[in-house]
Amino acid sequence: MYRYLPKMEPLERISSVSLYIFHNGTIGFYTFGLSVLGLVPGLFLFIYNAVQLGSIFGYMQSAGIDGEVTANFLEFTTAHAPFELTAIVLSAAAGMRIGFSVVMTRGYSRLDSMRRASFQAFPTIAAAFVLFFLAAIIEAFISPVEHEWLCDLFGVESLTLKMIVQYVSLALLIFYFVGLGGIGAIRARFFQR
């Protein structure tokens, strides 16, 4: 399936991690920044990226595309998609949190309201940064390679192995946001001093 890809040395993969961090982080920072500056441009960029990504996936699934090209595309995007897409959503949410604070000040001055919202949005943007980093590592080391030895070890195909990575990523995201987030919300609500 990857017969046209050249074999990459480990240092080349490390440099591609930095490329993916830069590329994906740029999308996240644009979404964050436009959401802070004005809710409408940030929301527009967020929706534009969603429509563009959906269009690409829809086009790749259409009947006119070669099955091998579609399989390559889906196999490449399967493993790193949960972390990357969640990071983009978190970037938009953190920016919108700060952007909304300009409109809804809750009795504070606009500057104080933005300052308070910035402190509240920092954990969200930090989580987005960690997810961008994890997505870049998966995108550089797992997504473009067939991993014959791992496939032979587990007795699965390359796509199945990448789907396992995807499901583990989803499980970690659900555990973090639902499990740990739910515990934090319960502690904050019932056990506050």
C-alpha atoms as a PDB file:
ATOM      1  CA  MET A   1       0.000   0.000   0.000  1.00  0.00           C
ATOM      2  CA  TYR A   2       2.845   2.409   0.781  1.00  0.00           C
ATOM      3  CA  ARG A   3       5.066   1.343  -2.058  1.00  0.00           C
ATOM      4  CA  TYR A   4       5.636   4.931  -3.222  1.00  0.00           C
ATOM      5  CA  LEU A   5       6.759   6.229   0.161  1.00  0.00           C
ATOM      6  CA  PRO A   6      10.506   6.360   0.678  1.00  0.00           C
ATOM      7  CA  LYS A   7      11.876   4.802   3.824  1.00  0.00           C
ATOM      8  CA  MET A   8      12.481   7.517   6.378  1.00  0.00           C
ATOM      9  CA  GLU A   9      15.275   7.558   8.910  1.00  0.00           C
ATOM     10  CA  PRO A  10      14.386   8.233  12.570  1.00  0.00           C
ATOM     11  CA  LEU A  11      15.824  11.761  12.415  1.00  0.00           C
ATOM     12  CA  GLU A  12      13.619  12.517   9.424  1.00  0.00           C
ATOM     13  CA  ARG A  13      10.589  11.349  11.382  1.00  0.00           C
ATOM     14  CA  ILE A  14      11.557  13.606  14.278  1.00  0.00           C
ATOM     15  CA  SER A  15      11.797  16.558  11.905  1.00  0.00           C
ATOM     16  CA  SER A  16       8.380  15.665  10.508  1.00  0.00           C
ATOM     17  CA  VAL A  17       7.005  15.800  14.082  1.00  0.00           C
ATOM     18  CA  SER A  18       8.080  19.443  14.234  1.00  0.00           C
ATOM     19  CA  LEU A  19       6.484  20.072  10.836  1.00  0.00           C
ATOM     20  CA  TYR A  20       3.187  18.544  11.985  1.00  0.00           C
ATOM     21  CA  ILE A  21       3.272  20.493  15.263  1.00  0.00           C
ATOM     22  CA  PHE A  22       3.829  23.705  13.304  1.00  0.00           C
ATOM     23  CA  HIS A  23       1.090  22.972  10.764  1.00  0.00           C
ATOM     24  CA  ASN A  24      -1.551  21.743  13.187  1.00  0.00           C
ATOM     25  CA  GLY A  25      -0.619  24.339  15.786  1.00  0.00           C
ATOM     26  CA  THR A  26      -1.031  27.068  13.183  1.00  0.00           C
ATOM     27  CA  ILE A  27      -4.603  25.960  12.545  1.00  0.00           C
ATOM     28  CA  GLY A  28      -5.229  25.856  16.286  1.00  0.00           C
ATOM     29  CA  PHE A  29      -3.709  29.303  16.881  1.00  0.00           C
ATOM     30  CA  TYR A  30      -5.653  30.836  13.995  1.00  0.00           C
ATOM     31  CA  THR A  31      -8.859  29.383  15.369  1.00  0.00           C
ATOM     32  CA  PHE A  32      -7.989  30.532  18.900  1.00  0.00           C
ATOM     33  CA  GLY A  33      -6.885  34.006  17.840  1.00  0.00           C
ATOM     34  CA  LEU A  34      -9.830  34.701  15.587  1.00  0.00           C
ATOM     35  CA  SER A  35     -12.191  33.496  18.318  1.00  0.00           C
ATOM     36  CA  VAL A  36     -10.607  35.912  20.792  1.00  0.00           C
ATOM     37  CA  LEU A  37     -10.670  38.865  18.390  1.00  0.00           C
ATOM     38  CA  GLY A  38     -14.231  38.292  17.346  1.00  0.00           C
ATOM     39  CA  LEU A  39     -16.559  35.402  17.816  1.00  0.00           C
ATOM     40  CA  VAL A  40     -17.855  35.429  14.249  1.00  0.00           C
ATOM     41  CA  PRO A  41     -14.463  35.070  12.443  1.00  0.00           C
ATOM     42  CA  GLY A  42     -13.344  32.296  14.793  1.00  0.00           C
ATOM     43  CA  LEU A  43     -16.608  30.461  14.390  1.00  0.00           C
ATOM     44  CA  PHE A  44     -16.426  30.938  10.627  1.00  0.00           C
ATOM     45  CA  LEU A  45     -12.887  29.480  10.474  1.00  0.00           C
ATOM     46  CA  PHE A  46     -13.942  26.576  12.686  1.00  0.00           C
ATOM     47  CA  ILE A  47     -16.962  25.783  10.502  1.00  0.00           C
ATOM     48  CA  TYR A  48     -14.900  26.303   7.324  1.00  0.00           C
ATOM     49  CA  ASN A  49     -12.319  23.752   8.501  1.00  0.00           C
ATOM     50  CA  ALA A  50     -15.077  21.283   9.390  1.00  0.00           C
ATOM     51  CA  VAL A  51     -16.740  21.661   5.980  1.00  0.00           C
ATOM     52  CA  GLN A  52     -13.401  21.407   4.174  1.00  0.00           C
ATOM     53  CA  LEU A  53     -12.417  18.264   6.068  1.00  0.00           C
ATOM     54  CA  GLY A  54     -15.849  16.718   5.527  1.00  0.00           C
ATOM     55  CA  SER A  55     -15.647  17.538   1.820  1.00  0.00           C
ATOM     56  CA  ILE A  56     -12.248  15.896   1.496  1.00  0.00           C
ATOM     57  CA  PHE A  57     -13.447  12.762   3.257  1.00  0.00           C
ATOM     58  CA  GLY A  58     -16.613  12.718   1.159  1.00  0.00           C
ATOM     59  CA  TYR A  59     -14.650  13.171  -2.060  1.00  0.00           C
ATOM     60  CA  MET A  60     -12.246  10.395  -1.113  1.00  0.00           C
ATOM     61  CA  GLN A  61     -15.191   8.070  -0.493  1.00  0.00           C
ATOM     62  CA  SER A  62     -16.850   8.869  -3.833  1.00  0.00           C
ATOM     63  CA  ALA A  63     -17.066   6.221  -6.515  1.00  0.00           C
ATOM     64  CA  GLY A  64     -14.752   8.042  -8.945  1.00  0.00           C
ATOM     65  CA  ILE A  65     -11.661   7.710  -6.745  1.00  0.00           C
ATOM     66  CA  ASP A  66      -9.310   4.751  -6.980  1.00  0.00           C
ATOM     67  CA  GLY A  67      -9.852   2.357  -4.084  1.00  0.00           C
ATOM     68  CA  GLU A  68      -6.151   2.180  -3.270  1.00  0.00           C
ATOM     69  CA  VAL A  69      -5.894   5.969  -2.986  1.00  0.00           C
ATOM     70  CA  THR A  70      -8.917   6.060  -0.683  1.00  0.00           C
ATOM     71  CA  ALA A  71      -7.511   3.247   1.433  1.00  0.00           C
ATOM     72  CA  ASN A  72      -4.171   5.093   1.718  1.00  0.00           C
ATOM     73  CA  PHE A  73      -5.916   8.304   2.756  1.00  0.00           C
ATOM     74  CA  LEU A  74      -8.122   6.655   5.346  1.00  0.00           C
ATOM     75  CA  GLU A  75      -5.277   4.582   6.722  1.00  0.00           C
ATOM     76  CA  PHE A  76      -3.099   7.673   7.085  1.00  0.00           C
ATOM     77  CA  THR A  77      -5.723   9.779   8.853  1.00  0.00           C
ATOM     78  CA  THR A  78      -7.205   7.088  11.103  1.00  0.00           C
ATOM     79  CA  ALA A  79      -4.666   6.989  13.904  1.00  0.00           C
ATOM     80  CA  HIS A  80      -4.017  10.663  14.620  1.00  0.00           C
ATOM     81  CA  ALA A  81      -7.453  12.164  13.913  1.00  0.00           C
ATOM     82  CA  PRO A  82      -8.948  11.987  17.458  1.00  0.00           C
ATOM     83  CA  PHE A  83      -6.167  13.993  19.101  1.00  0.00           C
ATOM     84  CA  GLU A  84      -5.809  16.497  16.257  1.00  0.00           C
ATOM     85  CA  LEU A  85      -9.504  17.255  15.806  1.00  0.00           C
ATOM     86  CA  THR A  86     -10.106  17.492  19.550  1.00  0.00           C
ATOM     87  CA  ALA A  87      -7.201  19.935  19.862  1.00  0.00           C
ATOM     88  CA  ILE A  88      -8.704  22.172  17.179  1.00  0.00           C
ATOM     89  CA  VAL A  89     -12.073  22.136  18.942  1.00  0.00           C
ATOM     90  CA  LEU A  90     -10.404  22.972  22.262  1.00  0.00           C
ATOM     91  CA  SER A  91      -8.506  25.860  20.652  1.00  0.00           C
ATOM     92  CA  ALA A  92     -11.731  27.317  19.317  1.00  0.00           C
ATOM     93  CA  ALA A  93     -13.469  26.820  22.673  1.00  0.00           C
ATOM     94  CA  ALA A  94     -10.683  28.549  24.615  1.00  0.00           C
ATOM     95  CA  GLY A  95     -10.699  31.489  22.222  1.00  0.00           C
ATOM     96  CA  MET A  96     -14.474  31.767  22.351  1.00  0.00           C
ATOM     97  CA  ARG A  97     -14.331  31.732  26.152  1.00  0.00           C
ATOM     98  CA  ILE A  98     -12.125  34.807  26.058  1.00  0.00           C
ATOM     99  CA  GLY A  99     -14.123  36.368  23.225  1.00  0.00           C
ATOM    100  CA  PHE A 100     -17.411  35.951  25.103  1.00  0.00           C
ATOM    101  CA  SER A 101     -15.880  37.639  28.150  1.00  0.00           C
ATOM    102  CA  VAL A 102     -15.684  40.899  26.195  1.00  0.00           C
ATOM    103  CA  VAL A 103     -19.427  40.766  25.531  1.00  0.00           C
ATOM    104  CA  MET A 104     -20.589  39.284  28.848  1.00  0.00           C
ATOM    105  CA  THR A 105     -18.474  40.989  31.495  1.00  0.00           C
ATOM    106  CA  ARG A 106     -20.509  39.865  34.551  1.00  0.00           C
ATOM    107  CA  GLY A 107     -20.008  43.211  36.238  1.00  0.00           C
ATOM    108  CA  TYR A 108     -16.262  43.479  35.661  1.00  0.00           C
ATOM    109  CA  SER A 109     -14.522  45.900  33.353  1.00  0.00           C
ATOM    110  CA  ARG A 110     -13.815  44.462  29.903  1.00  0.00           C
ATOM    111  CA  LEU A 111     -10.108  44.145  30.646  1.00  0.00           C
ATOM    112  CA  ASP A 112     -10.697  42.414  33.985  1.00  0.00           C
ATOM    113  CA  SER A 113     -13.273  40.147  32.394  1.00  0.00           C
ATOM    114  CA  MET A 114     -10.791  39.158  29.659  1.00  0.00           C
ATOM    115  CA  ARG A 115      -8.070  38.616  32.247  1.00  0.00           C
ATOM    116  CA  ARG A 116     -10.300  36.302  34.297  1.00  0.00           C
ATOM    117  CA  ALA A 117     -11.404  34.429  31.168  1.00  0.00           C
ATOM    118  CA  SER A 118      -7.771  34.038  30.089  1.00  0.00           C
ATOM    119  CA  PHE A 119      -6.927  32.318  33.356  1.00  0.00           C
ATOM    120  CA  GLN A 120      -9.967  30.085  32.965  1.00  0.00           C
ATOM    121  CA  ALA A 121      -9.115  29.267  29.331  1.00  0.00           C
ATOM    122  CA  PHE A 122      -5.457  28.459  29.993  1.00  0.00           C
ATOM    123  CA  PRO A 123      -6.012  24.787  30.993  1.00  0.00           C
ATOM    124  CA  THR A 124      -8.054  24.291  27.824  1.00  0.00           C
ATOM    125  CA  ILE A 125      -5.373  25.714  25.554  1.00  0.00           C
ATOM    126  CA  ALA A 126      -2.706  23.747  27.437  1.00  0.00           C
ATOM    127  CA  ALA A 127      -4.685  20.551  26.829  1.00  0.00           C
ATOM    128  CA  ALA A 128      -4.958  21.505  23.151  1.00  0.00           C
ATOM    129  CA  PHE A 129      -1.177  21.938  22.971  1.00  0.00           C
ATOM    130  CA  VAL A 130      -0.607  18.493  24.497  1.00  0.00           C
ATOM    131  CA  LEU A 131      -3.086  16.953  22.047  1.00  0.00           C
ATOM    132  CA  PHE A 132      -1.406  18.688  19.078  1.00  0.00           C
ATOM    133  CA  PHE A 133       1.922  17.261  20.252  1.00  0.00           C
ATOM    134  CA  LEU A 134       0.529  13.730  20.648  1.00  0.00           C
ATOM    135  CA  ALA A 135      -1.194  13.941  17.252  1.00  0.00           C
ATOM    136  CA  ALA A 136       2.086  15.035  15.644  1.00  0.00           C
ATOM    137  CA  ILE A 137       3.954  12.084  17.129  1.00  0.00           C
ATOM    138  CA  ILE A 138       1.303   9.649  15.917  1.00  0.00           C
ATOM    139  CA  GLU A 139       1.151  11.382  12.514  1.00  0.00           C
ATOM    140  CA  ALA A 140       4.920  11.082  12.051  1.00  0.00           C
ATOM    141  CA  PHE A 141       5.648   7.658  13.511  1.00  0.00           C
ATOM    142  CA  ILE A 142       2.468   5.580  13.141  1.00  0.00           C
ATOM    143  CA  SER A 143       0.267   7.011  10.368  1.00  0.00           C
ATOM    144  CA  PRO A 144       2.586   6.789   7.323  1.00  0.00           C
ATOM    145  CA  VAL A 145       4.103   3.377   8.026  1.00  0.00           C
ATOM    146  CA  GLU A 146       2.807  -0.162   7.648  1.00  0.00           C
ATOM    147  CA  HIS A 147       4.602  -1.570  10.741  1.00  0.00           C
ATOM    148  CA  GLU A 148       4.990  -5.099   9.395  1.00  0.00           C
ATOM    149  CA  TRP A 149       6.590  -6.421  12.574  1.00  0.00           C
ATOM    150  CA  LEU A 150       3.759  -5.140  14.789  1.00  0.00           C
ATOM    151  CA  CYS A 151       1.146  -6.456  12.380  1.00  0.00           C
ATOM    152  CA  ASP A 152       2.824  -9.864  12.396  1.00  0.00           C
ATOM    153  CA  LEU A 153       3.142  -9.794  16.181  1.00  0.00           C
ATOM    154  CA  PHE A 154      -0.573  -9.121  16.732  1.00  0.00           C
ATOM    155  CA  GLY A 155      -1.770 -10.893  13.594  1.00  0.00           C
ATOM    156  CA  VAL A 156      -3.641  -7.874  12.231  1.00  0.00           C
ATOM    157  CA  GLU A 157      -3.466  -5.661   9.156  1.00  0.00           C
ATOM    158  CA  SER A 158      -1.945  -2.183   9.184  1.00  0.00           C
ATOM    159  CA  LEU A 159      -5.324  -0.437   9.097  1.00  0.00           C
ATOM    160  CA  THR A 160      -6.539  -2.525  12.029  1.00  0.00           C
ATOM    161  CA  LEU A 161      -3.442  -1.583  14.011  1.00  0.00           C
ATOM    162  CA  LYS A 162      -4.065   2.101  13.310  1.00  0.00           C
ATOM    163  CA  MET A 163      -7.707   1.710  14.282  1.00  0.00           C
ATOM    164  CA  ILE A 164      -6.545   0.263  17.594  1.00  0.00           C
ATOM    165  CA  VAL A 165      -4.429   3.390  18.111  1.00  0.00           C
ATOM    166  CA  GLN A 166      -7.488   5.481  17.227  1.00  0.00           C
ATOM    167  CA  TYR A 167      -9.710   3.655  19.726  1.00  0.00           C
ATOM    168  CA  VAL A 168      -7.095   3.902  22.477  1.00  0.00           C
ATOM    169  CA  SER A 169      -6.821   7.639  21.742  1.00  0.00           C
ATOM    170  CA  LEU A 170     -10.606   7.997  21.938  1.00  0.00           C
ATOM    171  CA  ALA A 171     -10.697   6.048  25.191  1.00  0.00           C
ATOM    172  CA  LEU A 172      -8.015   8.307  26.687  1.00  0.00           C
ATOM    173  CA  LEU A 173      -9.928  11.407  25.595  1.00  0.00           C
ATOM    174  CA  ILE A 174     -13.177  10.108  27.070  1.00  0.00           C
ATOM    175  CA  PHE A 175     -11.423   9.150  30.301  1.00  0.00           C
ATOM    176  CA  TYR A 176      -9.795  12.572  30.568  1.00  0.00           C
ATOM    177  CA  PHE A 177     -12.795  14.731  29.738  1.00  0.00           C
ATOM    178  CA  VAL A 178     -15.663  12.652  31.080  1.00  0.00           C
ATOM    179  CA  GLY A 179     -14.000  10.667  33.842  1.00  0.00           C
ATOM    180  CA  LEU A 180     -11.562  13.153  35.315  1.00  0.00           C
ATOM    181  CA  GLY A 181     -13.654  16.159  34.303  1.00  0.00           C
ATOM    182  CA  GLY A 182     -16.721  14.674  35.958  1.00  0.00           C
ATOM    183  CA  ILE A 183     -14.811  13.969  39.152  1.00  0.00           C
ATOM    184  CA  GLY A 184     -13.474  17.532  39.145  1.00  0.00           C
ATOM    185  CA  ALA A 185     -16.964  18.959  38.623  1.00  0.00           C
ATOM    186  CA  ILE A 186     -18.390  16.865  41.459  1.00  0.00           C
ATOM    187  CA  ARG A 187     -15.568  17.894  43.792  1.00  0.00           C
ATOM    188  CA  ALA A 188     -15.992  21.559  42.893  1.00  0.00           C
ATOM    189  CA  ARG A 189     -19.749  21.453  43.363  1.00  0.00           C
ATOM    190  CA  PHE A 190     -20.128  19.379  46.533  1.00  0.00           C
ATOM    191  CA  PHE A 191     -16.831  19.582  48.375  1.00  0.00           C
ATOM    192  CA  GLN A 192     -15.958  23.249  48.054  1.00  0.00           C
ATOM    193  CA  ARG A 193     -14.979  25.036  51.236  1.00  0.00           C
END
